[in-house]
């Protein structure tokens, strides 16, 4: 992707998530815009840029949320790497199976973070969180990411986002 697109994403991800997607809350569950963007970046650009974008967006979210610094950066970097590997070998931007992969990735990240918190900080109501928060949020994020991919495909935004060296491939 073009460097100015990455800069805009890094600067606007937190305000966009808080202001634009807060009204889209269903029963207190909001889609995760940054995970959907990392998935799209991984599909479009490959594993290296997907991992770097995931680490960057994760670190921005870590700093802005005053959470554990590096945990989101690590999990989202790994998520971007996997999305890029899938995009290069298995999936394409028009595949209807993107909703399944994005949902599974989102759920895996939620489970990994909750297990980390369980191990290092103690008593976490894992089963309750899994069914009341993680699964609905993963489904909602999968739907959001798939809709974003449809818009990108239908409006032909891909050419605007990719660098010329990536467009020739």
Protein backbone atom coordinates (compact mmCIF):
# COMPACT_ATOMS: atom_id res chain seq x y z
CA UNK A 1 0.00 0.00 0.00
CA UNK A 2 1.04 3.57 -0.40
CA UNK A 3 2.83 5.11 2.60
CA UNK A 4 0.36 8.00 2.88
CA UNK A 5 -2.51 5.49 3.13
CA UNK A 6 -0.74 3.81 6.06
CA UNK A 7 -0.19 7.17 7.72
CA UNK A 8 -3.86 8.07 7.35
CA UNK A 9 -4.89 4.70 8.76
CA UNK A 10 -2.56 5.03 11.75
CA UNK A 11 -3.77 8.54 12.53
CA UNK A 12 -7.49 7.90 12.01
CA UNK A 13 -8.05 4.34 13.26
CA UNK A 14 -8.77 5.23 16.89
CA UNK A 15 -11.11 8.17 16.19
CA UNK A 16 -12.91 6.21 13.45
CA UNK A 17 -13.35 3.19 15.70
CA UNK A 18 -14.65 5.33 18.57
CA UNK A 19 -16.91 7.71 16.66
CA UNK A 20 -18.09 5.92 13.53
CA UNK A 21 -18.48 2.40 14.86
CA UNK A 22 -19.81 3.22 18.30
CA UNK A 23 -23.35 3.77 16.92
CA UNK A 24 -23.11 0.37 15.18
CA UNK A 25 -23.03 -1.32 18.56
CA UNK A 26 -25.47 -4.24 18.88
CA UNK A 27 -26.18 -5.21 22.49
CA UNK A 28 -22.92 -3.57 23.56
CA UNK A 29 -20.80 -5.39 20.96
CA UNK A 30 -18.88 -3.37 18.38
CA UNK A 31 -17.02 -4.62 15.33
CA UNK A 32 -13.24 -4.30 15.39
CA UNK A 33 -12.31 -1.98 12.53
CA UNK A 34 -8.57 -2.45 12.92
CA UNK A 35 -8.78 -6.25 12.61
CA UNK A 36 -10.86 -5.89 9.45
CA UNK A 37 -8.32 -3.41 8.03
CA UNK A 38 -5.38 -5.66 8.90
CA UNK A 39 -7.09 -8.56 7.16
CA UNK A 40 -7.69 -6.46 4.05
CA UNK A 41 -4.12 -5.15 4.05
CA UNK A 42 -2.80 -8.71 4.39
CA UNK A 43 -4.96 -9.93 1.51
CA UNK A 44 -3.95 -7.05 -0.75
CA UNK A 45 -0.25 -6.74 0.00
CA UNK A 46 1.06 -10.03 1.36
CA UNK A 47 2.45 -11.36 4.61
CA UNK A 48 5.26 -8.86 5.21
CA UNK A 49 3.19 -5.72 4.89
CA UNK A 50 0.27 -7.42 6.62
CA UNK A 51 2.46 -8.24 9.64
CA UNK A 52 3.98 -4.75 9.77
CA UNK A 53 0.58 -3.08 9.46
CA UNK A 54 -0.79 -5.38 12.16
CA UNK A 55 2.06 -4.57 14.52
CA UNK A 56 1.72 -0.85 13.86
CA UNK A 57 -2.04 -0.75 14.35
CA UNK A 58 -1.77 -3.00 17.40
CA UNK A 59 0.83 -0.77 19.02
CA UNK A 60 -1.27 2.32 18.30
CA UNK A 61 -4.20 0.63 20.01
CA UNK A 62 -2.02 -0.49 22.93
CA UNK A 63 -0.80 3.05 23.52
CA UNK A 64 -4.23 4.63 23.17
CA UNK A 65 -5.95 2.14 25.47
CA UNK A 66 -3.29 2.14 28.19
CA UNK A 67 -3.30 -1.66 28.00
CA UNK A 68 -0.45 -4.10 27.96
CA UNK A 69 2.06 -2.57 25.56
CA UNK A 70 2.93 -5.00 22.80
CA UNK A 71 0.20 -7.61 23.29
CA UNK A 72 -2.10 -6.23 20.58
CA UNK A 73 0.94 -5.45 18.44
CA UNK A 74 2.07 -9.07 18.64
CA UNK A 75 -1.33 -10.69 18.07
CA UNK A 76 -2.32 -8.33 15.28
CA UNK A 77 1.08 -8.67 13.61
CA UNK A 78 0.62 -12.43 13.63
CA UNK A 79 -2.92 -11.94 12.32
CA UNK A 80 -1.64 -9.76 9.43
CA UNK A 81 1.04 -12.33 8.62
CA UNK A 82 -1.56 -15.14 8.43
CA UNK A 83 -3.95 -13.02 6.36
CA UNK A 84 -1.16 -12.16 3.93
CA UNK A 85 -0.14 -15.80 3.61
CA UNK A 86 -3.74 -16.80 2.93
CA UNK A 87 -4.19 -13.98 0.45
CA UNK A 88 -1.13 -14.98 -1.49
CA UNK A 89 -1.91 -18.67 -1.66
CA UNK A 90 -5.55 -19.43 -1.02
CA UNK A 91 -7.95 -16.51 -0.98
CA UNK A 92 -8.76 -13.63 -3.22
CA UNK A 93 -10.59 -10.43 -2.48
CA UNK A 94 -13.88 -11.67 -3.98
CA UNK A 95 -14.04 -14.98 -2.15
CA UNK A 96 -17.13 -15.45 0.02
CA UNK A 97 -15.06 -17.50 2.47
CA UNK A 98 -13.39 -14.30 3.71
CA UNK A 99 -16.11 -13.94 6.35
CA UNK A 100 -15.17 -17.35 7.79
CA UNK A 101 -11.43 -16.66 7.88
CA UNK A 102 -11.87 -13.19 9.36
CA UNK A 103 -14.27 -14.52 12.01
CA UNK A 104 -11.89 -17.33 12.95
CA UNK A 105 -8.92 -14.95 13.15
CA UNK A 106 -10.86 -12.51 15.32
CA UNK A 107 -12.01 -15.31 17.61
CA UNK A 108 -8.48 -16.74 17.85
CA UNK A 109 -7.12 -13.33 18.85
CA UNK A 110 -9.78 -12.93 21.54
CA UNK A 111 -9.07 -16.40 22.92
CA UNK A 112 -5.30 -15.81 22.91
CA UNK A 113 -5.60 -12.51 24.77
CA UNK A 114 -8.03 -13.90 27.34
CA UNK A 115 -5.80 -16.93 27.95
CA UNK A 116 -2.81 -14.63 28.38
CA UNK A 117 -4.73 -12.59 30.94
CA UNK A 118 -5.90 -15.79 32.66
CA UNK A 119 -2.33 -17.10 32.96
CA UNK A 120 -0.71 -13.92 34.20
CA UNK A 121 -3.49 -12.13 36.07
CA UNK A 122 -5.82 -14.85 37.29
CA UNK A 123 -9.53 -15.50 37.35
CA UNK A 124 -11.13 -14.61 34.00
CA UNK A 125 -14.67 -15.82 33.25
CA UNK A 126 -13.54 -17.43 30.01
CA UNK A 127 -16.69 -19.38 29.05
CA UNK A 128 -18.94 -16.41 29.75
CA UNK A 129 -16.67 -14.10 27.73
CA UNK A 130 -16.46 -16.61 24.89
CA UNK A 131 -20.19 -16.86 24.34
CA UNK A 132 -21.28 -13.36 25.37
CA UNK A 133 -18.48 -11.28 23.87
CA UNK A 134 -15.86 -13.04 21.74
CA UNK A 135 -18.07 -15.07 19.37
CA UNK A 136 -20.57 -12.24 18.66
CA UNK A 137 -17.75 -9.71 18.15
CA UNK A 138 -15.91 -12.13 15.84
CA UNK A 139 -19.03 -12.66 13.74
CA UNK A 140 -19.71 -8.92 13.63
CA UNK A 141 -16.12 -8.14 12.62
CA UNK A 142 -16.22 -10.88 9.96
CA UNK A 143 -19.35 -9.34 8.49
CA UNK A 144 -17.83 -5.83 8.57
CA UNK A 145 -14.61 -6.98 6.89
CA UNK A 146 -16.49 -8.82 4.18
CA UNK A 147 -18.63 -5.77 3.48
CA UNK A 148 -15.49 -3.62 3.31
CA UNK A 149 -13.95 -6.08 0.84
CA UNK A 150 -17.10 -5.94 -1.32
CA UNK A 151 -16.96 -2.13 -1.39
CA UNK A 152 -13.26 -2.20 -2.30
CA UNK A 153 -13.94 -4.70 -5.09
CA UNK A 154 -17.07 -2.97 -6.45
CA UNK A 155 -15.64 0.56 -6.38
CA UNK A 156 -12.23 -0.57 -7.70
CA UNK A 157 -10.41 1.08 -4.79
CA UNK A 158 -7.62 -1.49 -4.94
CA UNK A 159 -5.74 0.41 -7.66
CA UNK A 160 -5.73 3.58 -5.53
CA UNK A 161 -4.34 1.76 -2.50
CA UNK A 162 -1.61 -0.40 -4.01
CA UNK A 163 1.81 0.84 -5.01
CA UNK A 164 2.69 0.52 -8.68
CA UNK A 165 5.22 -2.24 -7.98
CA UNK A 166 2.48 -4.37 -6.41
CA UNK A 167 -0.06 -3.60 -9.14
CA UNK A 168 2.10 -5.20 -11.86
CA UNK A 169 2.05 -8.64 -10.17
